[in-house]
Amino acid sequence: MGGGPTWSVAQGAKSHPLRNTNAEEKRELMAKLVSFLYQLARRLNDLETILSGNPKRIARRIKNKYLGRKILSKIYRWPKF
């Protein structure tokens, strides 16, 4: 047998974390990653708005976040038929 050494999981070689998971687990991991990235983008937008120092922009951002939460809370409480 020529060539280099062969590695297996039993011999301690590390496998890729997504390689040994089923499709449902992969979808769940991807959903968590996407959710994290969207949250990060929102936080960075908040930070960018505050660091701009523009009081009109800051006030508009606060107002829109407040209105968005009020509207969403009413939608989720809307009676289901």
PDB file of N, CA and C in Angstrom:
ATOM      1  N   MET A   1       0.836  -1.178   0.000  1.00  0.00           N
ATOM      2  CA  MET A   1       0.000   0.000   0.000  1.00  0.00           C
ATOM      3  C   MET A   1       0.876   1.234   0.000  1.00  0.00           C
ATOM      4  N   GLY A   2       0.753   1.988  -1.027  1.00  0.00           N
ATOM      5  CA  GLY A   2       1.540   3.199  -1.116  1.00  0.00           C
ATOM      6  C   GLY A   2       0.729   4.396  -0.727  1.00  0.00           C
ATOM      7  N   GLY A   3       1.301   5.543  -0.918  1.00  0.00           N
ATOM      8  CA  GLY A   3       0.572   6.772  -0.637  1.00  0.00           C
ATOM      9  C   GLY A   3       0.674   7.182   0.816  1.00  0.00           C
ATOM     10  N   GLY A   4      -0.100   8.168   1.160  1.00  0.00           N
ATOM     11  CA  GLY A   4      -0.076   8.723   2.507  1.00  0.00           C
ATOM     12  C   GLY A   4      -0.971   7.957   3.456  1.00  0.00           C
ATOM     13  N   PRO A   5      -1.012   8.396   4.686  1.00  0.00           N
ATOM     14  CA  PRO A   5      -1.827   7.711   5.685  1.00  0.00           C
ATOM     15  C   PRO A   5      -3.320   7.919   5.409  1.00  0.00           C
ATOM     16  N   THR A   6      -4.099   6.979   5.794  1.00  0.00           N
ATOM     17  CA  THR A   6      -5.549   7.114   5.685  1.00  0.00           C
ATOM     18  C   THR A   6      -6.100   7.401   7.067  1.00  0.00           C
ATOM     19  N   TRP A   7      -7.069   8.299   7.122  1.00  0.00           N
ATOM     20  CA  TRP A   7      -7.638   8.710   8.392  1.00  0.00           C
ATOM     21  C   TRP A   7      -9.104   8.331   8.433  1.00  0.00           C
ATOM     22  N   SER A   8      -9.553   7.971   9.588  1.00  0.00           N
ATOM     23  CA  SER A   8     -10.971   7.706   9.775  1.00  0.00           C
ATOM     24  C   SER A   8     -11.414   8.377  11.062  1.00  0.00           C
ATOM     25  N   VAL A   9     -12.707   8.454  11.233  1.00  0.00           N
ATOM     26  CA  VAL A   9     -13.248   9.067  12.441  1.00  0.00           C
ATOM     27  C   VAL A   9     -12.796   8.287  13.663  1.00  0.00           C
ATOM     28  N   ALA A  10     -12.719   6.978  13.540  1.00  0.00           N
ATOM     29  CA  ALA A  10     -12.305   6.143  14.661  1.00  0.00           C
ATOM     30  C   ALA A  10     -10.867   6.433  15.065  1.00  0.00           C
ATOM     31  N   GLN A  11     -10.057   6.881  14.114  1.00  0.00           N
ATOM     32  CA  GLN A  11      -8.655   7.170  14.416  1.00  0.00           C
ATOM     33  C   GLN A  11      -8.461   8.599  14.917  1.00  0.00           C
ATOM     34  N   GLY A  12      -9.518   9.338  15.060  1.00  0.00           N
ATOM     35  CA  GLY A  12      -9.407  10.672  15.635  1.00  0.00           C
ATOM     36  C   GLY A  12      -9.476  11.795  14.623  1.00  0.00           C
ATOM     37  N   ALA A  13      -9.695  11.515  13.354  1.00  0.00           N
ATOM     38  CA  ALA A  13      -9.812  12.583  12.371  1.00  0.00           C
ATOM     39  C   ALA A  13     -11.125  13.332  12.620  1.00  0.00           C
ATOM     40  N   LYS A  14     -11.088  14.639  12.522  1.00  0.00           N
ATOM     41  CA  LYS A  14     -12.295  15.427  12.754  1.00  0.00           C
ATOM     42  C   LYS A  14     -13.072  15.543  11.456  1.00  0.00           C
ATOM     43  N   SER A  15     -14.372  15.352  11.553  1.00  0.00           N
ATOM     44  CA  SER A  15     -15.213  15.485  10.371  1.00  0.00           C
ATOM     45  C   SER A  15     -15.905  16.843  10.401  1.00  0.00           C
ATOM     46  N   HIS A  16     -16.416  17.239   9.280  1.00  0.00           N
ATOM     47  CA  HIS A  16     -17.139  18.497   9.162  1.00  0.00           C
ATOM     48  C   HIS A  16     -18.420  18.401   9.987  1.00  0.00           C
ATOM     49  N   PRO A  17     -18.797  19.448  10.742  1.00  0.00           N
ATOM     50  CA  PRO A  17     -19.964  19.348  11.629  1.00  0.00           C
ATOM     51  C   PRO A  17     -21.280  19.119  10.904  1.00  0.00           C
ATOM     52  N   LEU A  18     -21.399  19.552   9.639  1.00  0.00           N
ATOM     53  CA  LEU A  18     -22.653  19.355   8.920  1.00  0.00           C
ATOM     54  C   LEU A  18     -22.694  18.046   8.139  1.00  0.00           C
ATOM     55  N   ARG A  19     -21.571  17.386   8.022  1.00  0.00           N
ATOM     56  CA  ARG A  19     -21.516  16.185   7.195  1.00  0.00           C
ATOM     57  C   ARG A  19     -22.308  15.031   7.797  1.00  0.00           C
ATOM     58  N   ASN A  20     -22.340  14.911   9.109  1.00  0.00           N
ATOM     59  CA  ASN A  20     -22.985  13.773   9.754  1.00  0.00           C
ATOM     60  C   ASN A  20     -24.353  14.107  10.329  1.00  0.00           C
ATOM     61  N   THR A  21     -24.982  15.164   9.846  1.00  0.00           N
ATOM     62  CA  THR A  21     -26.296  15.525  10.357  1.00  0.00           C
ATOM     63  C   THR A  21     -27.343  15.253   9.292  1.00  0.00           C
ATOM     64  N   ASN A  22     -28.553  15.036   9.743  1.00  0.00           N
ATOM     65  CA  ASN A  22     -29.616  14.777   8.771  1.00  0.00           C
ATOM     66  C   ASN A  22     -30.147  16.095   8.210  1.00  0.00           C
ATOM     67  N   ALA A  23     -31.044  16.000   7.234  1.00  0.00           N
ATOM     68  CA  ALA A  23     -31.545  17.180   6.529  1.00  0.00           C
ATOM     69  C   ALA A  23     -32.278  18.128   7.468  1.00  0.00           C
ATOM     70  N   GLU A  24     -33.056  17.595   8.408  1.00  0.00           N
ATOM     71  CA  GLU A  24     -33.810  18.442   9.330  1.00  0.00           C
ATOM     72  C   GLU A  24     -32.860  19.252  10.219  1.00  0.00           C
ATOM     73  N   GLU A  25     -31.802  18.635  10.698  1.00  0.00           N
ATOM     74  CA  GLU A  25     -30.831  19.349  11.536  1.00  0.00           C
ATOM     75  C   GLU A  25     -30.107  20.423  10.732  1.00  0.00           C
ATOM     76  N   LYS A  26     -29.819  20.137   9.467  1.00  0.00           N
ATOM     77  CA  LYS A  26     -29.161  21.131   8.621  1.00  0.00           C
ATOM     78  C   LYS A  26     -30.060  22.334   8.408  1.00  0.00           C
ATOM     79  N   ARG A  27     -31.360  22.087   8.155  1.00  0.00           N
ATOM     80  CA  ARG A  27     -32.298  23.191   7.983  1.00  0.00           C
ATOM     81  C   ARG A  27     -32.381  24.031   9.256  1.00  0.00           C
ATOM     82  N   GLU A  28     -32.394  23.363  10.404  1.00  0.00           N
ATOM     83  CA  GLU A  28     -32.468  24.075  11.676  1.00  0.00           C
ATOM     84  C   GLU A  28     -31.222  24.929  11.899  1.00  0.00           C
ATOM     85  N   LEU A  29     -30.053  24.375  11.586  1.00  0.00           N
ATOM     86  CA  LEU A  29     -28.817  25.142  11.739  1.00  0.00           C
ATOM     87  C   LEU A  29     -28.789  26.338  10.797  1.00  0.00           C
ATOM     88  N   MET A  30     -29.239  26.144   9.564  1.00  0.00           N
ATOM     89  CA  MET A  30     -29.257  27.248   8.606  1.00  0.00           C
ATOM     90  C   MET A  30     -30.251  28.322   9.040  1.00  0.00           C
ATOM     91  N   ALA A  31     -31.396  27.911   9.563  1.00  0.00           N
ATOM     92  CA  ALA A  31     -32.391  28.877  10.032  1.00  0.00           C
ATOM     93  C   ALA A  31     -31.826  29.695  11.186  1.00  0.00           C
ATOM     94  N   LYS A  32     -31.106  29.051  12.086  1.00  0.00           N
ATOM     95  CA  LYS A  32     -30.496  29.781  13.205  1.00  0.00           C
ATOM     96  C   LYS A  32     -29.441  30.751  12.707  1.00  0.00           C
ATOM     97  N   LEU A  33     -28.660  30.324  11.718  1.00  0.00           N
ATOM     98  CA  LEU A  33     -27.626  31.197  11.163  1.00  0.00           C
ATOM     99  C   LEU A  33     -28.255  32.415  10.493  1.00  0.00           C
ATOM    100  N   VAL A  34     -29.281  32.199   9.692  1.00  0.00           N
ATOM    101  CA  VAL A  34     -29.960  33.304   9.008  1.00  0.00           C
ATOM    102  C   VAL A  34     -30.572  34.255  10.025  1.00  0.00           C
ATOM    103  N   SER A  35     -31.215  33.708  11.060  1.00  0.00           N
ATOM    104  CA  SER A  35     -31.808  34.539  12.095  1.00  0.00           C
ATOM    105  C   SER A  35     -30.745  35.390  12.784  1.00  0.00           C
ATOM    106  N   PHE A  36     -29.614  34.770  13.102  1.00  0.00           N
ATOM    107  CA  PHE A  36     -28.516  35.506  13.744  1.00  0.00           C
ATOM    108  C   PHE A  36     -28.017  36.634  12.842  1.00  0.00           C
ATOM    109  N   LEU A  37     -27.864  36.356  11.554  1.00  0.00           N
ATOM    110  CA  LEU A  37     -27.354  37.376  10.637  1.00  0.00           C
ATOM    111  C   LEU A  37     -28.334  38.544  10.495  1.00  0.00           C
ATOM    112  N   TYR A  38     -29.644  38.255  10.450  1.00  0.00           N
ATOM    113  CA  TYR A  38     -30.629  39.339  10.388  1.00  0.00           C
ATOM    114  C   TYR A  38     -30.606  40.168  11.667  1.00  0.00           C
ATOM    115  N   GLN A  39     -30.506  39.521  12.818  1.00  0.00           N
ATOM    116  CA  GLN A  39     -30.431  40.259  14.085  1.00  0.00           C
ATOM    117  C   GLN A  39     -29.184  41.134  14.122  1.00  0.00           C
ATOM    118  N   LEU A  40     -28.071  40.582  13.651  1.00  0.00           N
ATOM    119  CA  LEU A  40     -26.821  41.338  13.616  1.00  0.00           C
ATOM    120  C   LEU A  40     -26.970  42.561  12.715  1.00  0.00           C
ATOM    121  N   ALA A  41     -27.602  42.394  11.560  1.00  0.00           N
ATOM    122  CA  ALA A  41     -27.798  43.517  10.636  1.00  0.00           C
ATOM    123  C   ALA A  41     -28.662  44.603  11.279  1.00  0.00           C
ATOM    124  N   ARG A  42     -29.708  44.192  12.000  1.00  0.00           N
ATOM    125  CA  ARG A  42     -30.555  45.188  12.669  1.00  0.00           C
ATOM    126  C   ARG A  42     -29.776  45.944  13.736  1.00  0.00           C
ATOM    127  N   ARG A  43     -28.985  45.221  14.523  1.00  0.00           N
ATOM    128  CA  ARG A  43     -28.194  45.882  15.570  1.00  0.00           C
ATOM    129  C   ARG A  43     -27.166  46.840  14.972  1.00  0.00           C
ATOM    130  N   LEU A  44     -26.539  46.419  13.881  1.00  0.00           N
ATOM    131  CA  LEU A  44     -25.552  47.286  13.239  1.00  0.00           C
ATOM    132  C   LEU A  44     -26.216  48.525  12.654  1.00  0.00           C
ATOM    133  N   ASN A  45     -27.437  48.391  12.150  1.00  0.00           N
ATOM    134  CA  ASN A  45     -28.167  49.545  11.637  1.00  0.00           C
ATOM    135  C   ASN A  45     -28.505  50.502  12.771  1.00  0.00           C
ATOM    136  N   ASP A  46     -28.900  49.952  13.929  1.00  0.00           N
ATOM    137  CA  ASP A  46     -29.150  50.799  15.107  1.00  0.00           C
ATOM    138  C   ASP A  46     -27.886  51.554  15.487  1.00  0.00           C
ATOM    139  N   LEU A  47     -26.781  50.835  15.553  1.00  0.00           N
ATOM    140  CA  LEU A  47     -25.507  51.439  15.943  1.00  0.00           C
ATOM    141  C   LEU A  47     -25.090  52.518  14.941  1.00  0.00           C
ATOM    142  N   GLU A  48     -25.227  52.218  13.660  1.00  0.00           N
ATOM    143  CA  GLU A  48     -24.862  53.181  12.635  1.00  0.00           C
ATOM    144  C   GLU A  48     -25.706  54.455  12.749  1.00  0.00           C
ATOM    145  N   THR A  49     -27.002  54.281  13.052  1.00  0.00           N
ATOM    146  CA  THR A  49     -27.893  55.434  13.201  1.00  0.00           C
ATOM    147  C   THR A  49     -27.468  56.291  14.391  1.00  0.00           C
ATOM    148  N   ILE A  50     -27.164  55.648  15.498  1.00  0.00           N
ATOM    149  CA  ILE A  50     -26.748  56.399  16.694  1.00  0.00           C
ATOM    150  C   ILE A  50     -25.418  57.096  16.456  1.00  0.00           C
ATOM    151  N   LEU A  51     -24.482  56.393  15.837  1.00  0.00           N
ATOM    152  CA  LEU A  51     -23.164  56.980  15.600  1.00  0.00           C
ATOM    153  C   LEU A  51     -23.188  58.094  14.559  1.00  0.00           C
ATOM    154  N   SER A  52     -24.247  58.154  13.754  1.00  0.00           N
ATOM    155  CA  SER A  52     -24.334  59.224  12.760  1.00  0.00           C
ATOM    156  C   SER A  52     -24.469  60.583  13.445  1.00  0.00           C
ATOM    157  N   GLY A  53     -25.088  60.588  14.639  1.00  0.00           N
ATOM    158  CA  GLY A  53     -25.260  61.833  15.370  1.00  0.00           C
ATOM    159  C   GLY A  53     -26.368  62.708  14.821  1.00  0.00           C
ATOM    160  N   ASN A  54     -27.075  62.236  13.819  1.00  0.00           N
ATOM    161  CA  ASN A  54     -28.154  63.003  13.204  1.00  0.00           C
ATOM    162  C   ASN A  54     -29.425  62.800  14.034  1.00  0.00           C
ATOM    163  N   PRO A  55     -29.888  63.844  14.756  1.00  0.00           N
ATOM    164  CA  PRO A  55     -31.041  63.664  15.638  1.00  0.00           C
ATOM    165  C   PRO A  55     -32.328  63.293  14.896  1.00  0.00           C
ATOM    166  N   LYS A  56     -32.503  63.801  13.665  1.00  0.00           N
ATOM    167  CA  LYS A  56     -33.703  63.435  12.900  1.00  0.00           C
ATOM    168  C   LYS A  56     -33.682  61.959  12.532  1.00  0.00           C
ATOM    169  N   ARG A  57     -32.525  61.484  12.132  1.00  0.00           N
ATOM    170  CA  ARG A  57     -32.399  60.070  11.763  1.00  0.00           C
ATOM    171  C   ARG A  57     -32.613  59.166  12.976  1.00  0.00           C
ATOM    172  N   ILE A  58     -32.056  59.569  14.124  1.00  0.00           N
ATOM    173  CA  ILE A  58     -32.218  58.785  15.357  1.00  0.00           C
ATOM    174  C   ILE A  58     -33.691  58.754  15.769  1.00  0.00           C
ATOM    175  N   ALA A  59     -34.353  59.910  15.719  1.00  0.00           N
ATOM    176  CA  ALA A  59     -35.771  59.973  16.091  1.00  0.00           C
ATOM    177  C   ALA A  59     -36.616  59.120  15.148  1.00  0.00           C
ATOM    178  N   ARG A  60     -36.325  59.163  13.844  1.00  0.00           N
ATOM    179  CA  ARG A  60     -37.080  58.370  12.876  1.00  0.00           C
ATOM    180  C   ARG A  60     -36.885  56.882  13.134  1.00  0.00           C
ATOM    181  N   ARG A  61     -35.665  56.485  13.464  1.00  0.00           N
ATOM    182  CA  ARG A  61     -35.378  55.068  13.739  1.00  0.00           C
ATOM    183  C   ARG A  61     -36.159  54.598  14.969  1.00  0.00           C
ATOM    184  N   ILE A  62     -36.154  55.393  16.029  1.00  0.00           N
ATOM    185  CA  ILE A  62     -36.878  55.041  17.257  1.00  0.00           C
ATOM    186  C   ILE A  62     -38.376  54.956  16.979  1.00  0.00           C
ATOM    187  N   LYS A  63     -38.898  55.958  16.246  1.00  0.00           N
ATOM    188  CA  LYS A  63     -40.329  55.981  15.924  1.00  0.00           C
ATOM    189  C   LYS A  63     -40.718  54.744  15.112  1.00  0.00           C
ATOM    190  N   ASN A  64     -39.933  54.405  14.099  1.00  0.00           N
ATOM    191  CA  ASN A  64     -40.263  53.265  13.247  1.00  0.00           C
ATOM    192  C   ASN A  64     -40.173  51.938  13.995  1.00  0.00           C
ATOM    193  N   LYS A  65     -39.222  51.814  14.883  1.00  0.00           N
ATOM    194  CA  LYS A  65     -39.125  50.586  15.679  1.00  0.00           C
ATOM    195  C   LYS A  65     -40.340  50.463  16.601  1.00  0.00           C
ATOM    196  N   TYR A  66     -40.744  51.576  17.217  1.00  0.00           N
ATOM    197  CA  TYR A  66     -41.910  51.566  18.105  1.00  0.00           C
ATOM    198  C   TYR A  66     -43.178  51.206  17.327  1.00  0.00           C
ATOM    199  N   LEU A  67     -43.397  51.872  16.201  1.00  0.00           N
ATOM    200  CA  LEU A  67     -44.591  51.602  15.401  1.00  0.00           C
ATOM    201  C   LEU A  67     -44.605  50.172  14.883  1.00  0.00           C
ATOM    202  N   GLY A  68     -43.473  49.690  14.461  1.00  0.00           N
ATOM    203  CA  GLY A  68     -43.384  48.320  13.968  1.00  0.00           C
ATOM    204  C   GLY A  68     -43.761  47.309  15.034  1.00  0.00           C
ATOM    205  N   ARG A  69     -43.315  47.538  16.254  1.00  0.00           N
ATOM    206  CA  ARG A  69     -43.661  46.625  17.355  1.00  0.00           C
ATOM    207  C   ARG A  69     -45.145  46.701  17.688  1.00  0.00           C
ATOM    208  N   LYS A  70     -45.708  47.915  17.670  1.00  0.00           N
ATOM    209  CA  LYS A  70     -47.139  48.070  17.969  1.00  0.00           C
ATOM    210  C   LYS A  70     -47.986  47.365  16.913  1.00  0.00           C
ATOM    211  N   ILE A  71     -47.639  47.552  15.660  1.00  0.00           N
ATOM    212  CA  ILE A  71     -48.408  46.943  14.579  1.00  0.00           C
ATOM    213  C   ILE A  71     -48.289  45.423  14.626  1.00  0.00           C
ATOM    214  N   LEU A  72     -47.080  44.912  14.818  1.00  0.00           N
ATOM    215  CA  LEU A  72     -46.894  43.462  14.868  1.00  0.00           C
ATOM    216  C   LEU A  72     -47.629  42.839  16.043  1.00  0.00           C
ATOM    217  N   SER A  73     -47.631  43.522  17.181  1.00  0.00           N
ATOM    218  CA  SER A  73     -48.320  42.949  18.339  1.00  0.00           C
ATOM    219  C   SER A  73     -49.827  42.872  18.078  1.00  0.00           C
ATOM    220  N   LYS A  74     -50.363  43.837  17.348  1.00  0.00           N
ATOM    221  CA  LYS A  74     -51.795  43.800  17.017  1.00  0.00           C
ATOM    222  C   LYS A  74     -52.098  42.720  15.986  1.00  0.00           C
ATOM    223  N   ILE A  75     -51.194  42.515  15.061  1.00  0.00           N
ATOM    224  CA  ILE A  75     -51.395  41.472  14.049  1.00  0.00           C
ATOM    225  C   ILE A  75     -51.394  40.100  14.715  1.00  0.00           C
ATOM    226  N   TYR A  76     -50.477  39.872  15.637  1.00  0.00           N
ATOM    227  CA  TYR A  76     -50.397  38.568  16.295  1.00  0.00           C
ATOM    228  C   TYR A  76     -51.591  38.316  17.211  1.00  0.00           C
ATOM    229  N   ARG A  77     -52.220  39.374  17.707  1.00  0.00           N
ATOM    230  CA  ARG A  77     -53.411  39.215  18.561  1.00  0.00           C
ATOM    231  C   ARG A  77     -54.687  39.211  17.741  1.00  0.00           C
ATOM    232  N   TRP A  78     -54.567  39.416  16.431  1.00  0.00           N
ATOM    233  CA  TRP A  78     -55.744  39.471  15.555  1.00  0.00           C
ATOM    234  C   TRP A  78     -56.492  38.142  15.649  1.00  0.00           C
ATOM    235  N   PRO A  79     -57.809  38.171  15.735  1.00  0.00           N
ATOM    236  CA  PRO A  79     -58.558  36.912  15.864  1.00  0.00           C
ATOM    237  C   PRO A  79     -58.385  36.027  14.628  1.00  0.00           C
ATOM    238  N   LYS A  80     -58.162  34.763  14.875  1.00  0.00           N
ATOM    239  CA  LYS A  80     -57.992  33.788  13.792  1.00  0.00           C
ATOM    240  C   LYS A  80     -59.348  33.194  13.445  1.00  0.00           C
ATOM    241  N   PHE A  81     -59.662  33.071  12.189  1.00  0.00           N
ATOM    242  CA  PHE A  81     -60.928  32.501  11.746  1.00  0.00           C
ATOM    243  C   PHE A  81     -60.728  31.112  11.221  1.00  0.00           C
TER     244      PHE A  81
END
